[in-house]
């Protein structure tokens, strides 16, 4: 039986620390989440989504110093300062373990603008957050919709009502500028960018 709650409580923390996988609301959409450094849990999310084995997940951090845990130089993230915390995911070079990079040399990272979520990440470390859907389908917008899709395959569900927001904008750094890969909630201001 999955644990269902409407807060980032101690039981959610305990389940994540024990390798659990669940549904967490972010400042954009609901995400399937687990601790990023837990290879078995990350593998479980790939199976749940029928996700391509070559597409790494977005990783959420609570502060720039956390990039060290992902083998990412914090200097790379300087360009994100005006957008973080917020709905911008940036692809950065990384020497993280292969279960995260999936044969690439990069990871997409975001610092969310949700204080409760940031507090959770501060206490347990970086987390995976990927849209709650099967590959190629629309993301779910509520806990009941997620339960219909995943049932007891998830260890927990955290409800924040109906989330009908665009996902984060995904960008990469090219020639010192952010280049949008997927347009989402964050609008990139080209005039303000500097490395």
N, C-alpha and C. Protein backbone atom coordinates (compact mmCIF):
# COMPACT_ATOMS: atom_id res chain seq x y z
N UNK A 1 0.85 -1.20 0.00
CA UNK A 1 0.00 0.00 0.00
C UNK A 1 0.89 1.25 0.00
N UNK A 2 0.67 2.12 -0.95
CA UNK A 2 1.48 3.35 -1.03
C UNK A 2 1.09 4.33 0.07
N UNK A 3 2.07 5.09 0.53
CA UNK A 3 1.84 6.14 1.52
C UNK A 3 1.38 7.39 0.78
N UNK A 4 0.28 8.01 1.25
CA UNK A 4 -0.26 9.22 0.61
C UNK A 4 -0.33 10.33 1.64
N UNK A 5 0.16 11.52 1.27
CA UNK A 5 0.20 12.65 2.19
C UNK A 5 0.09 13.95 1.40
N UNK A 6 -0.09 15.05 2.11
CA UNK A 6 -0.09 16.35 1.41
C UNK A 6 1.06 17.24 1.90
N UNK A 7 2.09 16.59 2.47
CA UNK A 7 3.25 17.38 2.91
C UNK A 7 4.55 16.59 2.74
N UNK A 8 5.66 17.30 2.72
CA UNK A 8 6.97 16.66 2.65
C UNK A 8 7.37 16.27 4.07
N UNK A 9 6.72 15.22 4.58
CA UNK A 9 6.87 14.90 5.99
C UNK A 9 8.00 13.90 6.25
N UNK A 10 8.14 13.52 7.52
CA UNK A 10 9.23 12.62 7.92
C UNK A 10 9.14 11.25 7.24
N UNK A 11 7.92 10.78 7.00
CA UNK A 11 7.76 9.47 6.37
C UNK A 11 8.24 9.51 4.91
N UNK A 12 7.97 10.60 4.21
CA UNK A 12 8.47 10.76 2.83
C UNK A 12 10.00 10.74 2.83
N UNK A 13 10.59 11.47 3.78
CA UNK A 13 12.05 11.49 3.91
C UNK A 13 12.58 10.09 4.17
N UNK A 14 11.93 9.37 5.09
CA UNK A 14 12.36 8.01 5.46
C UNK A 14 12.29 7.07 4.26
N UNK A 15 11.19 7.15 3.51
CA UNK A 15 11.02 6.29 2.34
C UNK A 15 12.08 6.57 1.28
N UNK A 16 12.36 7.84 1.05
CA UNK A 16 13.40 8.20 0.07
C UNK A 16 14.77 7.69 0.51
N UNK A 17 15.07 7.86 1.80
CA UNK A 17 16.37 7.42 2.31
C UNK A 17 16.54 5.90 2.23
N UNK A 18 15.41 5.18 2.22
CA UNK A 18 15.46 3.71 2.15
C UNK A 18 15.32 3.21 0.71
N UNK A 19 15.51 4.09 -0.27
CA UNK A 19 15.48 3.67 -1.67
C UNK A 19 14.11 3.76 -2.32
N UNK A 20 13.19 4.48 -1.67
CA UNK A 20 11.83 4.59 -2.21
C UNK A 20 11.75 5.48 -3.44
N UNK A 21 10.69 5.24 -4.21
CA UNK A 21 10.37 6.02 -5.41
C UNK A 21 8.94 6.51 -5.25
N UNK A 22 8.71 7.80 -5.53
CA UNK A 22 7.36 8.32 -5.35
C UNK A 22 7.07 9.53 -6.19
N UNK A 23 5.89 10.10 -5.97
CA UNK A 23 5.42 11.28 -6.71
C UNK A 23 5.56 12.51 -5.82
N UNK A 24 6.32 13.51 -6.31
CA UNK A 24 6.50 14.76 -5.57
C UNK A 24 6.07 15.94 -6.42
N UNK A 25 5.32 16.90 -5.83
CA UNK A 25 5.03 18.13 -6.56
C UNK A 25 6.27 19.01 -6.57
N UNK A 26 6.54 19.66 -7.70
CA UNK A 26 7.63 20.64 -7.76
C UNK A 26 7.00 22.01 -7.97
N UNK A 27 7.82 23.01 -8.26
CA UNK A 27 7.28 24.34 -8.54
C UNK A 27 6.74 24.41 -9.97
N UNK A 28 6.84 23.32 -10.73
CA UNK A 28 6.27 23.29 -12.08
C UNK A 28 5.21 22.19 -12.17
N UNK A 29 5.65 20.92 -12.27
CA UNK A 29 4.71 19.81 -12.42
C UNK A 29 5.03 18.72 -11.39
N UNK A 30 4.19 17.68 -11.36
CA UNK A 30 4.50 16.51 -10.53
C UNK A 30 5.66 15.75 -11.17
N UNK A 31 6.52 15.21 -10.31
CA UNK A 31 7.63 14.43 -10.82
C UNK A 31 7.74 13.09 -10.11
N UNK A 32 8.17 12.07 -10.85
CA UNK A 32 8.58 10.82 -10.23
C UNK A 32 9.96 11.07 -9.65
N UNK A 33 10.14 10.76 -8.38
CA UNK A 33 11.38 11.14 -7.70
C UNK A 33 11.97 10.02 -6.86
N UNK A 34 13.30 10.11 -6.72
CA UNK A 34 14.05 9.26 -5.80
C UNK A 34 15.36 9.98 -5.52
N UNK A 35 16.16 9.45 -4.61
CA UNK A 35 17.48 10.02 -4.37
C UNK A 35 18.35 9.77 -5.60
N UNK A 36 19.01 10.82 -6.08
CA UNK A 36 19.78 10.72 -7.33
C UNK A 36 20.95 9.76 -7.22
N UNK A 37 21.53 9.62 -6.01
CA UNK A 37 22.71 8.76 -5.88
C UNK A 37 22.37 7.30 -5.57
N UNK A 38 21.10 6.95 -5.66
CA UNK A 38 20.65 5.57 -5.41
C UNK A 38 20.40 4.89 -6.76
N UNK A 39 21.39 4.11 -7.21
CA UNK A 39 21.33 3.51 -8.55
C UNK A 39 20.10 2.62 -8.74
N UNK A 40 19.76 1.84 -7.73
CA UNK A 40 18.61 0.92 -7.86
C UNK A 40 17.31 1.69 -8.02
N UNK A 41 17.15 2.76 -7.24
CA UNK A 41 15.92 3.56 -7.32
C UNK A 41 15.82 4.28 -8.66
N UNK A 42 16.95 4.80 -9.16
CA UNK A 42 16.96 5.46 -10.47
C UNK A 42 16.55 4.45 -11.56
N UNK A 43 17.08 3.23 -11.46
CA UNK A 43 16.72 2.18 -12.41
C UNK A 43 15.23 1.85 -12.37
N UNK A 44 14.67 1.89 -11.17
CA UNK A 44 13.24 1.60 -11.01
C UNK A 44 12.38 2.64 -11.75
N UNK A 45 12.80 3.92 -11.68
CA UNK A 45 12.04 4.97 -12.38
C UNK A 45 12.12 4.76 -13.89
N UNK A 46 13.28 4.37 -14.40
CA UNK A 46 13.39 4.08 -15.84
C UNK A 46 12.39 3.01 -16.25
N UNK A 47 12.27 1.96 -15.43
CA UNK A 47 11.33 0.86 -15.74
C UNK A 47 9.87 1.35 -15.68
N UNK A 48 9.56 2.13 -14.64
CA UNK A 48 8.19 2.63 -14.46
C UNK A 48 7.72 3.45 -15.67
N UNK A 49 8.65 4.22 -16.24
CA UNK A 49 8.30 5.12 -17.35
C UNK A 49 8.46 4.48 -18.72
N UNK A 50 9.04 3.28 -18.77
CA UNK A 50 9.45 2.71 -20.07
C UNK A 50 10.35 3.69 -20.80
N UNK A 51 11.25 4.29 -20.05
CA UNK A 51 12.10 5.37 -20.56
C UNK A 51 13.30 4.82 -21.33
N UNK A 52 13.68 5.51 -22.40
CA UNK A 52 14.87 5.14 -23.17
C UNK A 52 16.08 5.09 -22.24
N UNK A 53 16.90 4.09 -22.43
CA UNK A 53 18.08 3.90 -21.58
C UNK A 53 19.18 4.92 -21.87
N UNK A 54 18.93 5.82 -22.81
CA UNK A 54 19.97 6.81 -23.17
C UNK A 54 19.55 8.24 -22.84
N UNK A 55 18.45 8.40 -22.09
CA UNK A 55 17.98 9.75 -21.75
C UNK A 55 18.08 9.96 -20.24
N UNK A 56 19.11 10.69 -19.78
CA UNK A 56 19.25 10.94 -18.34
C UNK A 56 18.08 11.78 -17.81
N UNK A 57 17.81 11.64 -16.52
CA UNK A 57 16.76 12.41 -15.86
C UNK A 57 17.27 13.77 -15.39
N UNK A 58 16.34 14.70 -15.19
CA UNK A 58 16.68 15.98 -14.56
C UNK A 58 16.92 15.74 -13.07
N UNK A 59 17.92 16.41 -12.52
CA UNK A 59 18.25 16.28 -11.11
C UNK A 59 18.03 17.62 -10.41
N UNK A 60 17.33 17.57 -9.28
CA UNK A 60 17.05 18.78 -8.51
C UNK A 60 18.06 18.92 -7.36
N UNK A 61 18.55 20.15 -7.17
CA UNK A 61 19.49 20.46 -6.09
C UNK A 61 18.92 21.58 -5.24
N UNK A 62 19.46 21.75 -4.04
CA UNK A 62 18.96 22.82 -3.17
C UNK A 62 19.90 24.02 -3.13
N UNK A 63 21.16 23.82 -3.52
CA UNK A 63 22.10 24.94 -3.59
C UNK A 63 23.26 24.57 -4.52
N UNK A 64 24.00 25.57 -4.95
CA UNK A 64 25.07 25.38 -5.93
C UNK A 64 26.12 24.39 -5.44
N UNK A 65 26.40 24.39 -4.13
CA UNK A 65 27.43 23.50 -3.59
C UNK A 65 27.11 22.03 -3.84
N UNK A 66 25.83 21.73 -4.01
CA UNK A 66 25.40 20.35 -4.23
C UNK A 66 25.87 19.81 -5.58
N UNK A 67 26.27 20.71 -6.49
CA UNK A 67 26.77 20.26 -7.79
C UNK A 67 28.00 19.38 -7.63
N UNK A 68 28.79 19.63 -6.58
CA UNK A 68 29.98 18.81 -6.32
C UNK A 68 29.62 17.33 -6.19
N UNK A 69 28.46 17.05 -5.57
CA UNK A 69 28.04 15.66 -5.39
C UNK A 69 27.74 14.98 -6.72
N UNK A 70 27.48 15.79 -7.75
CA UNK A 70 27.15 15.26 -9.08
C UNK A 70 28.34 15.37 -10.02
N UNK A 71 29.53 15.63 -9.45
CA UNK A 71 30.77 15.78 -10.23
C UNK A 71 30.61 16.84 -11.32
N UNK A 72 30.00 17.96 -10.93
CA UNK A 72 29.83 19.11 -11.83
C UNK A 72 30.55 20.29 -11.21
N UNK A 73 31.34 20.98 -12.02
CA UNK A 73 32.02 22.18 -11.54
C UNK A 73 30.99 23.31 -11.33
N UNK A 74 30.90 23.86 -10.11
CA UNK A 74 29.93 24.94 -9.86
C UNK A 74 30.14 26.15 -10.77
N UNK A 75 31.37 26.33 -11.28
CA UNK A 75 31.65 27.45 -12.19
C UNK A 75 30.73 27.41 -13.42
N UNK A 76 30.44 26.19 -13.88
CA UNK A 76 29.57 26.04 -15.05
C UNK A 76 28.20 26.67 -14.84
N UNK A 77 27.75 26.66 -13.58
CA UNK A 77 26.38 27.09 -13.28
C UNK A 77 26.26 28.60 -13.10
N UNK A 78 27.36 29.32 -13.26
CA UNK A 78 27.32 30.77 -13.04
C UNK A 78 26.25 31.46 -13.88
N UNK A 79 26.08 30.97 -15.10
CA UNK A 79 25.11 31.57 -16.03
C UNK A 79 23.67 31.40 -15.54
N UNK A 80 23.46 30.46 -14.62
CA UNK A 80 22.09 30.18 -14.16
C UNK A 80 21.67 31.07 -12.98
N UNK A 81 22.61 31.85 -12.44
CA UNK A 81 22.33 32.59 -11.19
C UNK A 81 21.08 33.44 -11.26
N UNK A 82 20.82 34.07 -12.42
CA UNK A 82 19.64 34.94 -12.53
C UNK A 82 18.34 34.14 -12.67
N UNK A 83 18.45 32.84 -12.93
CA UNK A 83 17.24 32.02 -13.13
C UNK A 83 16.95 31.05 -11.98
N UNK A 84 17.94 30.82 -11.12
CA UNK A 84 17.78 29.89 -10.01
C UNK A 84 17.63 30.62 -8.70
N UNK A 85 16.79 30.17 -7.76
CA UNK A 85 15.87 29.05 -7.96
C UNK A 85 14.76 29.40 -8.93
N UNK A 86 14.31 28.40 -9.67
CA UNK A 86 13.25 28.63 -10.64
C UNK A 86 13.15 27.52 -11.66
N UNK A 87 12.26 27.70 -12.67
CA UNK A 87 11.92 26.61 -13.58
C UNK A 87 12.84 26.47 -14.79
N UNK A 88 14.16 26.58 -14.57
CA UNK A 88 15.12 26.38 -15.66
C UNK A 88 16.03 25.20 -15.33
N UNK A 89 16.02 24.20 -16.21
CA UNK A 89 16.94 23.07 -16.10
C UNK A 89 18.06 23.28 -17.11
N UNK A 90 19.30 23.15 -16.65
CA UNK A 90 20.45 23.41 -17.52
C UNK A 90 21.31 22.16 -17.64
N UNK A 91 21.69 21.83 -18.86
CA UNK A 91 22.56 20.68 -19.12
C UNK A 91 24.00 21.11 -18.87
N UNK A 92 24.66 20.42 -17.93
CA UNK A 92 26.02 20.75 -17.54
C UNK A 92 26.92 19.54 -17.67
N UNK A 93 28.20 19.76 -17.98
CA UNK A 93 29.16 18.66 -18.08
C UNK A 93 29.32 18.00 -16.72
N UNK A 94 29.38 16.67 -16.72
CA UNK A 94 29.45 15.94 -15.46
C UNK A 94 30.25 14.66 -15.61
N UNK A 95 30.95 14.32 -14.53
CA UNK A 95 31.66 13.03 -14.46
C UNK A 95 30.95 12.11 -13.46
N UNK A 96 29.65 12.29 -13.32
CA UNK A 96 28.85 11.48 -12.38
C UNK A 96 28.82 10.03 -12.85
N UNK A 97 28.41 9.11 -11.95
CA UNK A 97 28.34 7.69 -12.32
C UNK A 97 27.45 7.46 -13.54
N UNK A 98 27.74 6.37 -14.25
CA UNK A 98 27.05 6.07 -15.50
C UNK A 98 25.55 5.86 -15.33
N UNK A 99 25.10 5.40 -14.16
CA UNK A 99 23.65 5.19 -13.98
C UNK A 99 22.89 6.52 -14.02
N UNK A 100 23.62 7.64 -13.86
CA UNK A 100 23.00 8.96 -13.99
C UNK A 100 23.20 9.55 -15.38
N UNK A 101 24.44 9.47 -15.89
CA UNK A 101 24.75 10.10 -17.19
C UNK A 101 24.35 9.23 -18.38
N UNK A 102 24.20 7.93 -18.15
CA UNK A 102 23.76 6.99 -19.19
C UNK A 102 24.62 7.06 -20.45
N UNK A 103 25.91 7.08 -20.26
CA UNK A 103 26.81 7.07 -21.42
C UNK A 103 27.07 8.44 -22.02
N UNK A 104 26.42 9.48 -21.49
CA UNK A 104 26.69 10.84 -21.95
C UNK A 104 27.76 11.42 -21.01
N UNK A 105 28.11 12.67 -21.20
CA UNK A 105 29.06 13.32 -20.28
C UNK A 105 28.40 14.55 -19.66
N UNK A 106 27.07 14.48 -19.48
CA UNK A 106 26.38 15.65 -18.95
C UNK A 106 25.14 15.24 -18.16
N UNK A 107 24.65 16.20 -17.37
CA UNK A 107 23.41 16.03 -16.62
C UNK A 107 22.61 17.33 -16.69
N UNK A 108 21.29 17.21 -16.70
CA UNK A 108 20.41 18.39 -16.61
C UNK A 108 20.10 18.61 -15.14
N UNK A 109 20.34 19.83 -14.67
CA UNK A 109 20.20 20.14 -13.24
C UNK A 109 19.31 21.36 -13.07
N UNK A 110 18.55 21.36 -11.96
CA UNK A 110 17.68 22.51 -11.67
C UNK A 110 17.62 22.75 -10.17
N UNK A 111 17.51 24.01 -9.81
CA UNK A 111 17.28 24.38 -8.42
C UNK A 111 15.84 24.91 -8.33
N UNK A 112 14.92 24.11 -7.79
CA UNK A 112 13.51 24.51 -7.80
C UNK A 112 13.22 25.67 -6.86
N UNK A 113 12.11 26.37 -7.14
CA UNK A 113 11.73 27.52 -6.34
C UNK A 113 10.71 27.21 -5.27
N UNK A 114 10.57 25.93 -4.90
CA UNK A 114 9.63 25.53 -3.86
C UNK A 114 10.38 25.35 -2.54
N UNK A 115 10.10 26.19 -1.51
CA UNK A 115 10.84 26.10 -0.25
C UNK A 115 10.75 24.73 0.43
N UNK A 116 9.57 24.11 0.43
CA UNK A 116 9.41 22.80 1.07
C UNK A 116 10.24 21.74 0.37
N UNK A 117 10.22 21.77 -0.95
CA UNK A 117 10.99 20.80 -1.73
C UNK A 117 12.50 21.04 -1.53
N UNK A 118 12.90 22.30 -1.52
CA UNK A 118 14.31 22.64 -1.33
C UNK A 118 14.80 22.15 0.04
N UNK A 119 13.94 22.28 1.05
CA UNK A 119 14.29 21.81 2.39
C UNK A 119 14.48 20.29 2.41
N UNK A 120 13.61 19.58 1.70
CA UNK A 120 13.73 18.12 1.60
C UNK A 120 15.06 17.75 0.93
N UNK A 121 15.38 18.42 -0.17
CA UNK A 121 16.62 18.11 -0.89
C UNK A 121 17.84 18.43 -0.02
N UNK A 122 17.76 19.51 0.75
CA UNK A 122 18.87 19.86 1.65
C UNK A 122 19.15 18.74 2.64
N UNK A 123 18.08 18.04 3.06
CA UNK A 123 18.26 17.02 4.09
C UNK A 123 18.67 15.66 3.53
N UNK A 124 18.34 15.36 2.26
CA UNK A 124 18.63 14.01 1.74
C UNK A 124 19.58 14.00 0.53
N UNK A 125 19.90 15.17 -0.02
CA UNK A 125 20.77 15.23 -1.19
C UNK A 125 19.97 15.38 -2.48
N UNK A 126 20.67 15.47 -3.61
CA UNK A 126 20.00 15.68 -4.90
C UNK A 126 18.96 14.60 -5.18
N UNK A 127 17.87 14.99 -5.85
CA UNK A 127 16.85 14.01 -6.22
C UNK A 127 16.57 14.05 -7.72
N UNK A 128 16.18 12.91 -8.24
CA UNK A 128 15.69 12.80 -9.61
C UNK A 128 14.29 13.41 -9.63
N UNK A 129 13.96 14.13 -10.71
CA UNK A 129 12.57 14.54 -10.92
C UNK A 129 12.29 14.44 -12.42
N UNK A 130 11.42 13.54 -12.78
CA UNK A 130 11.05 13.36 -14.18
C UNK A 130 9.53 13.33 -14.27
N UNK A 131 9.00 13.87 -15.35
CA UNK A 131 7.55 13.97 -15.47
C UNK A 131 6.87 12.62 -15.21
N UNK A 132 5.73 12.69 -14.53
CA UNK A 132 5.01 11.48 -14.12
C UNK A 132 4.11 11.02 -15.26
N UNK A 133 4.69 10.20 -16.13
CA UNK A 133 3.97 9.68 -17.29
C UNK A 133 4.74 8.49 -17.84
N UNK A 134 4.14 7.80 -18.78
CA UNK A 134 4.88 6.82 -19.56
C UNK A 134 5.52 7.57 -20.72
N UNK A 135 6.65 7.09 -21.17
CA UNK A 135 7.38 7.75 -22.26
C UNK A 135 6.44 8.09 -23.41
N UNK A 136 6.45 9.38 -23.82
CA UNK A 136 5.64 9.80 -24.96
C UNK A 136 4.23 10.23 -24.63
N UNK A 137 3.80 10.07 -23.35
CA UNK A 137 2.45 10.48 -22.95
C UNK A 137 2.49 11.80 -22.18
N UNK A 138 1.32 12.41 -22.02
CA UNK A 138 1.23 13.66 -21.27
C UNK A 138 1.45 13.41 -19.77
N UNK A 139 2.15 14.34 -19.08
CA UNK A 139 2.34 14.18 -17.64
C UNK A 139 1.01 14.26 -16.88
N UNK A 140 0.91 13.50 -15.79
CA UNK A 140 -0.29 13.59 -14.95
C UNK A 140 -0.29 14.91 -14.19
N UNK A 141 -1.48 15.38 -13.83
CA UNK A 141 -1.59 16.68 -13.16
C UNK A 141 -2.12 16.57 -11.74
N UNK A 142 -2.38 15.33 -11.27
CA UNK A 142 -2.91 15.16 -9.92
C UNK A 142 -2.51 13.80 -9.37
N UNK A 143 -2.64 13.65 -8.06
CA UNK A 143 -2.34 12.37 -7.44
C UNK A 143 -3.30 11.27 -7.91
N UNK A 144 -4.63 11.51 -7.97
CA UNK A 144 -5.51 10.44 -8.46
C UNK A 144 -5.13 9.94 -9.86
N UNK A 145 -4.73 10.85 -10.74
CA UNK A 145 -4.33 10.46 -12.10
C UNK A 145 -3.05 9.62 -12.05
N UNK A 146 -2.13 10.00 -11.16
CA UNK A 146 -0.88 9.24 -11.01
C UNK A 146 -1.15 7.86 -10.43
N UNK A 147 -2.07 7.79 -9.46
CA UNK A 147 -2.41 6.50 -8.84
C UNK A 147 -3.03 5.55 -9.86
N UNK A 148 -3.84 6.11 -10.77
CA UNK A 148 -4.45 5.29 -11.81
C UNK A 148 -3.37 4.70 -12.72
N UNK A 149 -2.31 5.47 -12.96
CA UNK A 149 -1.24 5.05 -13.86
C UNK A 149 -0.23 4.11 -13.19
N UNK A 150 0.15 4.44 -11.94
CA UNK A 150 1.25 3.71 -11.30
C UNK A 150 0.82 2.83 -10.11
N UNK A 151 -0.35 3.11 -9.53
CA UNK A 151 -0.85 2.30 -8.42
C UNK A 151 0.17 2.13 -7.29
N UNK A 152 0.29 0.90 -6.79
CA UNK A 152 1.20 0.63 -5.67
C UNK A 152 2.64 0.41 -6.10
N UNK A 153 2.94 0.67 -7.38
CA UNK A 153 4.33 0.59 -7.82
C UNK A 153 5.15 1.74 -7.24
N UNK A 154 4.46 2.83 -6.82
CA UNK A 154 5.14 3.94 -6.14
C UNK A 154 5.03 3.74 -4.64
N UNK A 155 6.09 4.09 -3.92
CA UNK A 155 6.10 3.94 -2.47
C UNK A 155 5.30 5.05 -1.78
N UNK A 156 5.21 6.21 -2.42
CA UNK A 156 4.47 7.32 -1.80
C UNK A 156 3.97 8.29 -2.86
N UNK A 157 2.96 9.06 -2.46
CA UNK A 157 2.40 10.14 -3.28
C UNK A 157 2.26 11.36 -2.38
N UNK A 158 2.78 12.51 -2.82
CA UNK A 158 2.60 13.77 -2.09
C UNK A 158 1.71 14.66 -2.95
N UNK A 159 0.55 15.04 -2.40
CA UNK A 159 -0.43 15.80 -3.17
C UNK A 159 -0.32 17.31 -2.93
N UNK A 160 -0.40 18.06 -4.03
CA UNK A 160 -0.50 19.53 -3.94
C UNK A 160 -1.65 19.98 -4.83
N UNK A 161 -2.70 19.14 -4.90
CA UNK A 161 -3.85 19.48 -5.73
C UNK A 161 -3.55 19.28 -7.20
N UNK A 162 -4.24 20.04 -8.05
CA UNK A 162 -4.06 19.94 -9.49
C UNK A 162 -2.92 20.86 -9.93
N UNK A 163 -1.91 20.32 -10.58
CA UNK A 163 -0.80 21.13 -11.08
C UNK A 163 -0.87 21.16 -12.60
N UNK A 164 -1.30 22.30 -13.12
CA UNK A 164 -1.48 22.44 -14.57
C UNK A 164 -0.50 23.50 -15.09
N UNK A 165 0.78 23.28 -14.85
CA UNK A 165 1.81 24.25 -15.24
C UNK A 165 2.65 23.69 -16.38
N UNK A 166 3.33 24.57 -17.13
CA UNK A 166 4.30 24.04 -18.09
C UNK A 166 5.49 23.45 -17.34
N UNK A 167 6.20 22.49 -17.93
CA UNK A 167 7.40 21.94 -17.29
C UNK A 167 8.52 22.98 -17.30
N UNK A 168 9.63 22.63 -16.70
CA UNK A 168 10.77 23.55 -16.72
C UNK A 168 11.29 23.73 -18.14
N UNK A 169 11.87 24.88 -18.40
CA UNK A 169 12.60 25.09 -19.65
C UNK A 169 13.91 24.31 -19.56
N UNK A 170 14.28 23.63 -20.62
CA UNK A 170 15.54 22.90 -20.67
C UNK A 170 16.49 23.63 -21.61
N UNK A 171 17.69 23.93 -21.11
CA UNK A 171 18.65 24.68 -21.93
C UNK A 171 20.04 24.08 -21.81
N UNK A 172 20.88 24.34 -22.79
CA UNK A 172 22.29 23.97 -22.70
C UNK A 172 23.13 25.22 -22.95
N UNK A 173 24.39 25.14 -22.56
CA UNK A 173 25.27 26.30 -22.72
C UNK A 173 26.09 26.12 -24.00
N UNK A 174 25.93 27.08 -24.92
CA UNK A 174 26.69 27.06 -26.17
C UNK A 174 27.37 28.41 -26.32
N UNK A 175 28.70 28.40 -26.45
CA UNK A 175 29.46 29.64 -26.60
C UNK A 175 29.13 30.66 -25.52
N UNK A 176 29.00 30.17 -24.28
CA UNK A 176 28.76 31.06 -23.16
C UNK A 176 27.34 31.60 -23.06
N UNK A 177 26.43 31.10 -23.88
CA UNK A 177 25.03 31.53 -23.86
C UNK A 177 24.12 30.34 -23.62
N UNK A 178 22.96 30.61 -23.03
CA UNK A 178 21.97 29.55 -22.86
C UNK A 178 21.18 29.37 -24.15
N UNK A 179 21.12 28.15 -24.62
CA UNK A 179 20.35 27.84 -25.82
C UNK A 179 19.22 26.90 -25.43
N UNK A 180 17.98 27.30 -25.71
CA UNK A 180 16.81 26.53 -25.30
C UNK A 180 16.70 25.24 -26.10
N UNK A 181 16.59 24.12 -25.38
CA UNK A 181 16.37 22.81 -25.98
C UNK A 181 14.88 22.49 -25.97
N UNK A 182 14.22 22.84 -24.85
CA UNK A 182 12.77 22.65 -24.71
C UNK A 182 12.21 23.87 -24.01
N UNK A 183 11.31 24.59 -24.67
CA UNK A 183 10.71 25.78 -24.05
C UNK A 183 9.72 25.35 -22.98
N UNK A 184 9.80 25.98 -21.82
CA UNK A 184 8.88 25.67 -20.73
C UNK A 184 8.58 26.92 -19.94
N UNK A 185 8.54 26.79 -18.61
CA UNK A 185 8.07 27.87 -17.75
C UNK A 185 9.02 29.07 -17.70
N UNK A 186 10.33 28.85 -17.85
CA UNK A 186 11.30 29.97 -17.76
C UNK A 186 11.52 30.58 -19.14
N UNK A 187 11.51 31.90 -19.18
CA UNK A 187 11.82 32.61 -20.42
C UNK A 187 13.27 33.10 -20.32
N UNK A 188 14.08 32.75 -21.31
CA UNK A 188 15.49 33.12 -21.32
C UNK A 188 15.63 34.52 -21.88
N UNK A 189 16.28 35.40 -21.12
CA UNK A 189 16.54 36.77 -21.57
C UNK A 189 17.95 36.83 -22.13
N UNK A 190 18.06 36.81 -23.45
CA UNK A 190 19.37 36.76 -24.11
C UNK A 190 20.22 37.99 -23.81
N UNK A 191 19.56 39.12 -23.55
CA UNK A 191 20.32 40.37 -23.33
C UNK A 191 21.04 40.41 -22.00
N UNK A 192 20.61 39.58 -21.05
CA UNK A 192 21.18 39.65 -19.69
C UNK A 192 22.24 38.58 -19.43
N UNK A 193 22.49 37.74 -20.43
CA UNK A 193 23.39 36.60 -20.20
C UNK A 193 24.86 36.96 -20.26
N UNK A 194 25.57 36.49 -19.27
CA UNK A 194 27.02 36.61 -19.28
C UNK A 194 27.58 35.39 -18.56
N UNK A 195 28.73 34.95 -18.99
CA UNK A 195 29.40 33.88 -18.25
C UNK A 195 30.41 34.50 -17.31
